[in-house]
């Protein structure tokens, strides 16, 4: 009996020790900001709705993962990055960025997001393609990002290409870094929405100032 109790106590001690050494569960972050107010008024009642469709976001392969990829402060010029297993986006980064942009642009324009739901047959659509050229998340410092995108009406002529570079300061901690990436995404959605609006009124000048 004493031997059984000793083995049980040893097993409990091992389980407690293992629990203490286990890695904490991952923290998940989103790029979408549901608190942002639309930058443009929705379509007037009775007007034909605007449909937008966002292509998959092109980006460097090292960023196309759910884990956050960061640089330590003071190492912004270093090629070394940290891939954080315990701090992740809610989906792979390219999908997270696409979803946040698609919903953000549609909300700002009062448009219908056909990116995932599909497009009703015969409806005109504005097609948007985004390329992430740079994305450096520097812990306790800033998020530097560079984007280019094209806007094209599916039923009309050539596309228009625009570019945007952003540097968003952040506070200390990875939560602040994720919030900085969210603000960068919101500013990009603002700029793309303005370019779509500009294309509607001045097809030759679609890029925001």
C-alpha atoms as a PDB file:
ATOM      1  CA  UNK A   1       0.000   0.000   0.000  1.00  0.00           C
ATOM      2  CA  UNK A   2       2.778   2.388   0.932  1.00  0.00           C
ATOM      3  CA  UNK A   3       4.534   1.563  -2.347  1.00  0.00           C
ATOM      4  CA  UNK A   4       1.389   2.375  -4.319  1.00  0.00           C
ATOM      5  CA  UNK A   5       0.982   5.676  -2.498  1.00  0.00           C
ATOM      6  CA  UNK A   6       4.615   6.527  -3.131  1.00  0.00           C
ATOM      7  CA  UNK A   7       4.256   5.793  -6.848  1.00  0.00           C
ATOM      8  CA  UNK A   8       1.080   7.885  -6.989  1.00  0.00           C
ATOM      9  CA  UNK A   9       2.787  10.780  -5.227  1.00  0.00           C
ATOM     10  CA  UNK A  10       5.738  10.535  -7.617  1.00  0.00           C
ATOM     11  CA  UNK A  11       3.396  10.521 -10.615  1.00  0.00           C
ATOM     12  CA  UNK A  12       1.573  13.614  -9.333  1.00  0.00           C
ATOM     13  CA  UNK A  13       4.902  15.365  -8.784  1.00  0.00           C
ATOM     14  CA  UNK A  14       5.958  14.564 -12.356  1.00  0.00           C
ATOM     15  CA  UNK A  15       2.656  15.867 -13.743  1.00  0.00           C
ATOM     16  CA  UNK A  16       2.905  19.081 -11.722  1.00  0.00           C
ATOM     17  CA  UNK A  17       6.485  19.597 -12.885  1.00  0.00           C
ATOM     18  CA  UNK A  18       5.513  18.946 -16.503  1.00  0.00           C
ATOM     19  CA  UNK A  19       2.648  21.424 -16.256  1.00  0.00           C
ATOM     20  CA  UNK A  20       5.009  24.027 -14.850  1.00  0.00           C
ATOM     21  CA  UNK A  21       7.451  23.532 -17.702  1.00  0.00           C
ATOM     22  CA  UNK A  22       4.832  23.507 -20.474  1.00  0.00           C
ATOM     23  CA  UNK A  23       4.886  26.416 -22.907  1.00  0.00           C
ATOM     24  CA  UNK A  24       2.093  28.957 -22.472  1.00  0.00           C
ATOM     25  CA  UNK A  25      -0.662  28.868 -25.106  1.00  0.00           C
ATOM     26  CA  UNK A  26      -0.159  31.153 -28.132  1.00  0.00           C
ATOM     27  CA  UNK A  27      -1.629  34.648 -28.148  1.00  0.00           C
ATOM     28  CA  UNK A  28      -3.567  35.496 -31.301  1.00  0.00           C
ATOM     29  CA  UNK A  29      -3.899  38.900 -32.976  1.00  0.00           C
ATOM     30  CA  UNK A  30      -6.035  40.346 -35.769  1.00  0.00           C
ATOM     31  CA  UNK A  31      -5.269  43.049 -38.316  1.00  0.00           C
ATOM     32  CA  UNK A  32      -8.938  44.016 -38.635  1.00  0.00           C
ATOM     33  CA  UNK A  33     -10.170  47.051 -36.707  1.00  0.00           C
ATOM     34  CA  UNK A  34     -13.937  46.960 -36.261  1.00  0.00           C
ATOM     35  CA  UNK A  35     -13.936  50.287 -34.419  1.00  0.00           C
ATOM     36  CA  UNK A  36     -12.940  52.333 -37.481  1.00  0.00           C
ATOM     37  CA  UNK A  37     -15.647  54.540 -38.960  1.00  0.00           C
ATOM     38  CA  UNK A  38     -16.178  54.409 -42.724  1.00  0.00           C
ATOM     39  CA  UNK A  39     -14.246  57.094 -44.611  1.00  0.00           C
ATOM     40  CA  UNK A  40     -16.889  57.378 -47.316  1.00  0.00           C
ATOM     41  CA  UNK A  41     -20.663  57.453 -47.234  1.00  0.00           C
ATOM     42  CA  UNK A  42     -22.448  54.258 -48.277  1.00  0.00           C
ATOM     43  CA  UNK A  43     -24.131  54.068 -51.657  1.00  0.00           C
ATOM     44  CA  UNK A  44     -27.367  56.018 -51.888  1.00  0.00           C
ATOM     45  CA  UNK A  45     -30.631  54.091 -51.696  1.00  0.00           C
ATOM     46  CA  UNK A  46     -31.568  52.710 -55.092  1.00  0.00           C
ATOM     47  CA  UNK A  47     -28.073  53.216 -56.526  1.00  0.00           C
ATOM     48  CA  UNK A  48     -26.278  50.243 -58.073  1.00  0.00           C
ATOM     49  CA  UNK A  49     -23.942  48.789 -55.424  1.00  0.00           C
ATOM     50  CA  UNK A  50     -20.203  48.851 -55.959  1.00  0.00           C
ATOM     51  CA  UNK A  51     -18.558  45.431 -55.840  1.00  0.00           C
ATOM     52  CA  UNK A  52     -14.883  45.017 -54.969  1.00  0.00           C
ATOM     53  CA  UNK A  53     -12.732  41.925 -55.276  1.00  0.00           C
ATOM     54  CA  UNK A  54      -9.290  41.690 -53.675  1.00  0.00           C
ATOM     55  CA  UNK A  55      -6.767  39.234 -55.099  1.00  0.00           C
ATOM     56  CA  UNK A  56      -4.520  37.232 -52.752  1.00  0.00           C
ATOM     57  CA  UNK A  57      -1.861  39.571 -51.316  1.00  0.00           C
ATOM     58  CA  UNK A  58       1.616  38.990 -52.747  1.00  0.00           C
ATOM     59  CA  UNK A  59       4.362  39.056 -50.118  1.00  0.00           C
ATOM     60  CA  UNK A  60       7.792  37.609 -49.285  1.00  0.00           C
ATOM     61  CA  UNK A  61       7.582  33.942 -48.334  1.00  0.00           C
ATOM     62  CA  UNK A  62       9.185  34.532 -44.926  1.00  0.00           C
ATOM     63  CA  UNK A  63       6.144  36.580 -43.869  1.00  0.00           C
ATOM     64  CA  UNK A  64       3.490  34.172 -45.186  1.00  0.00           C
ATOM     65  CA  UNK A  65       3.008  32.343 -41.896  1.00  0.00           C
ATOM     66  CA  UNK A  66       0.755  32.701 -38.836  1.00  0.00           C
ATOM     67  CA  UNK A  67       3.660  33.457 -36.475  1.00  0.00           C
ATOM     68  CA  UNK A  68       4.658  37.084 -35.931  1.00  0.00           C
ATOM     69  CA  UNK A  69       8.000  37.909 -37.543  1.00  0.00           C
ATOM     70  CA  UNK A  70       9.826  40.667 -35.665  1.00  0.00           C
ATOM     71  CA  UNK A  71      13.179  42.385 -35.349  1.00  0.00           C
ATOM     72  CA  UNK A  72      14.646  43.378 -32.019  1.00  0.00           C
ATOM     73  CA  UNK A  73      15.059  47.106 -31.389  1.00  0.00           C
ATOM     74  CA  UNK A  74      18.514  48.188 -32.498  1.00  0.00           C
ATOM     75  CA  UNK A  75      18.648  45.424 -35.100  1.00  0.00           C
ATOM     76  CA  UNK A  76      16.504  47.078 -37.757  1.00  0.00           C
ATOM     77  CA  UNK A  77      19.344  46.860 -40.276  1.00  0.00           C
ATOM     78  CA  UNK A  78      20.200  43.274 -39.399  1.00  0.00           C
ATOM     79  CA  UNK A  79      19.056  40.412 -41.658  1.00  0.00           C
ATOM     80  CA  UNK A  80      18.158  38.367 -38.558  1.00  0.00           C
ATOM     81  CA  UNK A  81      14.512  38.107 -37.521  1.00  0.00           C
ATOM     82  CA  UNK A  82      12.654  36.243 -34.771  1.00  0.00           C
ATOM     83  CA  UNK A  83       9.699  33.980 -35.582  1.00  0.00           C
ATOM     84  CA  UNK A  84       7.470  34.006 -32.513  1.00  0.00           C
ATOM     85  CA  UNK A  85       5.655  30.722 -31.943  1.00  0.00           C
ATOM     86  CA  UNK A  86       3.703  32.101 -28.979  1.00  0.00           C
ATOM     87  CA  UNK A  87       2.475  35.273 -30.736  1.00  0.00           C
ATOM     88  CA  UNK A  88       0.463  34.630 -33.876  1.00  0.00           C
ATOM     89  CA  UNK A  89      -1.992  36.206 -36.267  1.00  0.00           C
ATOM     90  CA  UNK A  90      -5.446  34.644 -36.266  1.00  0.00           C
ATOM     91  CA  UNK A  91      -4.643  33.134 -39.678  1.00  0.00           C
ATOM     92  CA  UNK A  92      -1.618  33.053 -41.940  1.00  0.00           C
ATOM     93  CA  UNK A  93      -0.398  36.634 -42.373  1.00  0.00           C
ATOM     94  CA  UNK A  94      -1.244  36.905 -46.073  1.00  0.00           C
ATOM     95  CA  UNK A  95      -4.814  35.738 -45.425  1.00  0.00           C
ATOM     96  CA  UNK A  96      -5.149  37.960 -42.358  1.00  0.00           C
ATOM     97  CA  UNK A  97      -4.020  41.002 -44.358  1.00  0.00           C
ATOM     98  CA  UNK A  98      -6.303  40.208 -47.283  1.00  0.00           C
ATOM     99  CA  UNK A  99      -9.365  39.751 -45.072  1.00  0.00           C
ATOM    100  CA  UNK A 100      -8.690  42.955 -43.106  1.00  0.00           C
ATOM    101  CA  UNK A 101      -8.146  44.996 -46.276  1.00  0.00           C
ATOM    102  CA  UNK A 102     -11.157  43.592 -48.106  1.00  0.00           C
ATOM    103  CA  UNK A 103     -13.556  44.304 -45.245  1.00  0.00           C
ATOM    104  CA  UNK A 104     -11.922  47.668 -44.504  1.00  0.00           C
ATOM    105  CA  UNK A 105     -12.053  48.917 -48.099  1.00  0.00           C
ATOM    106  CA  UNK A 106     -15.639  47.734 -48.552  1.00  0.00           C
ATOM    107  CA  UNK A 107     -16.685  49.429 -45.314  1.00  0.00           C
ATOM    108  CA  UNK A 108     -15.079  52.732 -46.276  1.00  0.00           C
ATOM    109  CA  UNK A 109     -16.734  52.739 -49.704  1.00  0.00           C
ATOM    110  CA  UNK A 110     -20.102  51.343 -48.684  1.00  0.00           C
ATOM    111  CA  UNK A 111     -19.313  48.578 -51.190  1.00  0.00           C
ATOM    112  CA  UNK A 112     -20.029  44.864 -51.383  1.00  0.00           C
ATOM    113  CA  UNK A 113     -17.020  42.663 -50.672  1.00  0.00           C
ATOM    114  CA  UNK A 114     -17.083  39.921 -53.312  1.00  0.00           C
ATOM    115  CA  UNK A 115     -13.645  38.603 -52.324  1.00  0.00           C
ATOM    116  CA  UNK A 116     -15.006  35.489 -50.647  1.00  0.00           C
ATOM    117  CA  UNK A 117     -18.740  35.581 -51.226  1.00  0.00           C
ATOM    118  CA  UNK A 118     -18.416  35.645 -55.012  1.00  0.00           C
ATOM    119  CA  UNK A 119     -19.872  38.020 -57.567  1.00  0.00           C
ATOM    120  CA  UNK A 120     -23.399  37.971 -58.917  1.00  0.00           C
ATOM    121  CA  UNK A 121     -23.408  37.277 -62.636  1.00  0.00           C
ATOM    122  CA  UNK A 122     -23.276  40.417 -64.760  1.00  0.00           C
ATOM    123  CA  UNK A 123     -22.323  42.759 -61.899  1.00  0.00           C
ATOM    124  CA  UNK A 124     -19.471  45.202 -62.594  1.00  0.00           C
ATOM    125  CA  UNK A 125     -16.612  44.814 -60.155  1.00  0.00           C
ATOM    126  CA  UNK A 126     -13.488  46.750 -59.177  1.00  0.00           C
ATOM    127  CA  UNK A 127     -10.559  44.348 -58.921  1.00  0.00           C
ATOM    128  CA  UNK A 128      -7.745  45.225 -56.516  1.00  0.00           C
ATOM    129  CA  UNK A 129      -4.341  43.530 -56.294  1.00  0.00           C
ATOM    130  CA  UNK A 130      -1.968  44.374 -53.428  1.00  0.00           C
ATOM    131  CA  UNK A 131       1.739  43.615 -53.085  1.00  0.00           C
ATOM    132  CA  UNK A 132       3.525  43.868 -49.756  1.00  0.00           C
ATOM    133  CA  UNK A 133       7.024  45.101 -50.643  1.00  0.00           C
ATOM    134  CA  UNK A 134       8.327  45.673 -47.090  1.00  0.00           C
ATOM    135  CA  UNK A 135       7.111  44.814 -43.618  1.00  0.00           C
ATOM    136  CA  UNK A 136       9.532  45.278 -40.720  1.00  0.00           C
ATOM    137  CA  UNK A 137       8.028  45.007 -37.243  1.00  0.00           C
ATOM    138  CA  UNK A 138      10.674  46.319 -34.836  1.00  0.00           C
ATOM    139  CA  UNK A 139       9.830  45.468 -31.234  1.00  0.00           C
ATOM    140  CA  UNK A 140       9.441  48.475 -28.879  1.00  0.00           C
ATOM    141  CA  UNK A 141      10.022  50.834 -31.798  1.00  0.00           C
ATOM    142  CA  UNK A 142       7.929  50.913 -35.006  1.00  0.00           C
ATOM    143  CA  UNK A 143       6.370  49.101 -37.954  1.00  0.00           C
ATOM    144  CA  UNK A 144       7.828  50.026 -41.361  1.00  0.00           C
ATOM    145  CA  UNK A 145       5.810  48.907 -44.366  1.00  0.00           C
ATOM    146  CA  UNK A 146       5.746  49.464 -48.107  1.00  0.00           C
ATOM    147  CA  UNK A 147       2.899  48.517 -50.433  1.00  0.00           C
ATOM    148  CA  UNK A 148       1.916  48.800 -54.053  1.00  0.00           C
ATOM    149  CA  UNK A 149      -1.485  48.043 -55.531  1.00  0.00           C
ATOM    150  CA  UNK A 150      -3.411  48.111 -58.776  1.00  0.00           C
ATOM    151  CA  UNK A 151      -7.039  49.043 -59.293  1.00  0.00           C
ATOM    152  CA  UNK A 152      -8.942  47.910 -62.369  1.00  0.00           C
ATOM    153  CA  UNK A 153     -12.539  47.988 -63.449  1.00  0.00           C
ATOM    154  CA  UNK A 154     -13.289  44.578 -64.880  1.00  0.00           C
ATOM    155  CA  UNK A 155     -15.386  46.055 -67.678  1.00  0.00           C
ATOM    156  CA  UNK A 156     -12.999  48.865 -68.622  1.00  0.00           C
ATOM    157  CA  UNK A 157      -9.444  49.606 -69.752  1.00  0.00           C
ATOM    158  CA  UNK A 158      -6.014  49.539 -68.118  1.00  0.00           C
ATOM    159  CA  UNK A 159      -5.305  49.383 -64.420  1.00  0.00           C
ATOM    160  CA  UNK A 160      -3.785  52.130 -62.282  1.00  0.00           C
ATOM    161  CA  UNK A 161      -0.827  51.378 -59.990  1.00  0.00           C
ATOM    162  CA  UNK A 162      -0.212  53.168 -56.688  1.00  0.00           C
ATOM    163  CA  UNK A 163       2.398  52.951 -53.924  1.00  0.00           C
ATOM    164  CA  UNK A 164       2.471  53.776 -50.233  1.00  0.00           C
ATOM    165  CA  UNK A 165       5.217  53.689 -47.582  1.00  0.00           C
ATOM    166  CA  UNK A 166       4.355  53.899 -43.883  1.00  0.00           C
ATOM    167  CA  UNK A 167       6.237  54.044 -40.591  1.00  0.00           C
ATOM    168  CA  UNK A 168       4.053  53.631 -37.506  1.00  0.00           C
ATOM    169  CA  UNK A 169       5.614  54.187 -34.039  1.00  0.00           C
ATOM    170  CA  UNK A 170       4.673  51.673 -31.332  1.00  0.00           C
ATOM    171  CA  UNK A 171       4.985  51.411 -27.553  1.00  0.00           C
ATOM    172  CA  UNK A 172       6.714  48.614 -25.681  1.00  0.00           C
ATOM    173  CA  UNK A 173       5.551  45.032 -25.975  1.00  0.00           C
ATOM    174  CA  UNK A 174       4.233  42.701 -28.620  1.00  0.00           C
ATOM    175  CA  UNK A 175       0.614  43.751 -28.057  1.00  0.00           C
ATOM    176  CA  UNK A 176       1.629  47.285 -29.046  1.00  0.00           C
ATOM    177  CA  UNK A 177       3.503  45.937 -32.072  1.00  0.00           C
ATOM    178  CA  UNK A 178       0.398  44.059 -33.247  1.00  0.00           C
ATOM    179  CA  UNK A 179      -1.686  47.215 -32.719  1.00  0.00           C
ATOM    180  CA  UNK A 180       0.831  49.152 -34.844  1.00  0.00           C
ATOM    181  CA  UNK A 181       0.469  46.604 -37.647  1.00  0.00           C
ATOM    182  CA  UNK A 182      -3.302  47.006 -37.355  1.00  0.00           C
ATOM    183  CA  UNK A 183      -2.986  50.797 -37.764  1.00  0.00           C
ATOM    184  CA  UNK A 184      -0.752  50.325 -40.813  1.00  0.00           C
ATOM    185  CA  UNK A 185      -3.420  48.073 -42.331  1.00  0.00           C
ATOM    186  CA  UNK A 186      -6.124  50.655 -41.622  1.00  0.00           C
ATOM    187  CA  UNK A 187      -4.096  53.423 -43.299  1.00  0.00           C
ATOM    188  CA  UNK A 188      -3.542  51.221 -46.334  1.00  0.00           C
ATOM    189  CA  UNK A 189      -7.282  50.502 -46.530  1.00  0.00           C
ATOM    190  CA  UNK A 190      -7.888  54.273 -46.385  1.00  0.00           C
ATOM    191  CA  UNK A 191      -5.483  54.886 -49.260  1.00  0.00           C
ATOM    192  CA  UNK A 192      -6.855  52.106 -51.462  1.00  0.00           C
ATOM    193  CA  UNK A 193     -10.434  53.235 -50.836  1.00  0.00           C
ATOM    194  CA  UNK A 194      -9.466  56.779 -51.877  1.00  0.00           C
ATOM    195  CA  UNK A 195      -7.853  55.449 -55.058  1.00  0.00           C
ATOM    196  CA  UNK A 196     -11.017  53.531 -55.959  1.00  0.00           C
ATOM    197  CA  UNK A 197     -13.105  56.651 -55.351  1.00  0.00           C
ATOM    198  CA  UNK A 198     -10.698  58.774 -57.403  1.00  0.00           C
ATOM    199  CA  UNK A 199     -10.838  56.293 -60.272  1.00  0.00           C
ATOM    200  CA  UNK A 200     -14.616  56.615 -60.351  1.00  0.00           C
ATOM    201  CA  UNK A 201     -14.415  60.397 -60.849  1.00  0.00           C
ATOM    202  CA  UNK A 202     -11.020  60.791 -62.592  1.00  0.00           C
ATOM    203  CA  UNK A 203     -10.004  57.509 -64.230  1.00  0.00           C
ATOM    204  CA  UNK A 204      -6.578  58.863 -65.194  1.00  0.00           C
ATOM    205  CA  UNK A 205      -5.680  59.953 -61.641  1.00  0.00           C
ATOM    206  CA  UNK A 206      -6.564  57.172 -59.231  1.00  0.00           C
ATOM    207  CA  UNK A 207      -3.715  57.328 -56.707  1.00  0.00           C
ATOM    208  CA  UNK A 208      -4.274  59.196 -53.410  1.00  0.00           C
ATOM    209  CA  UNK A 209      -2.227  62.294 -52.738  1.00  0.00           C
END
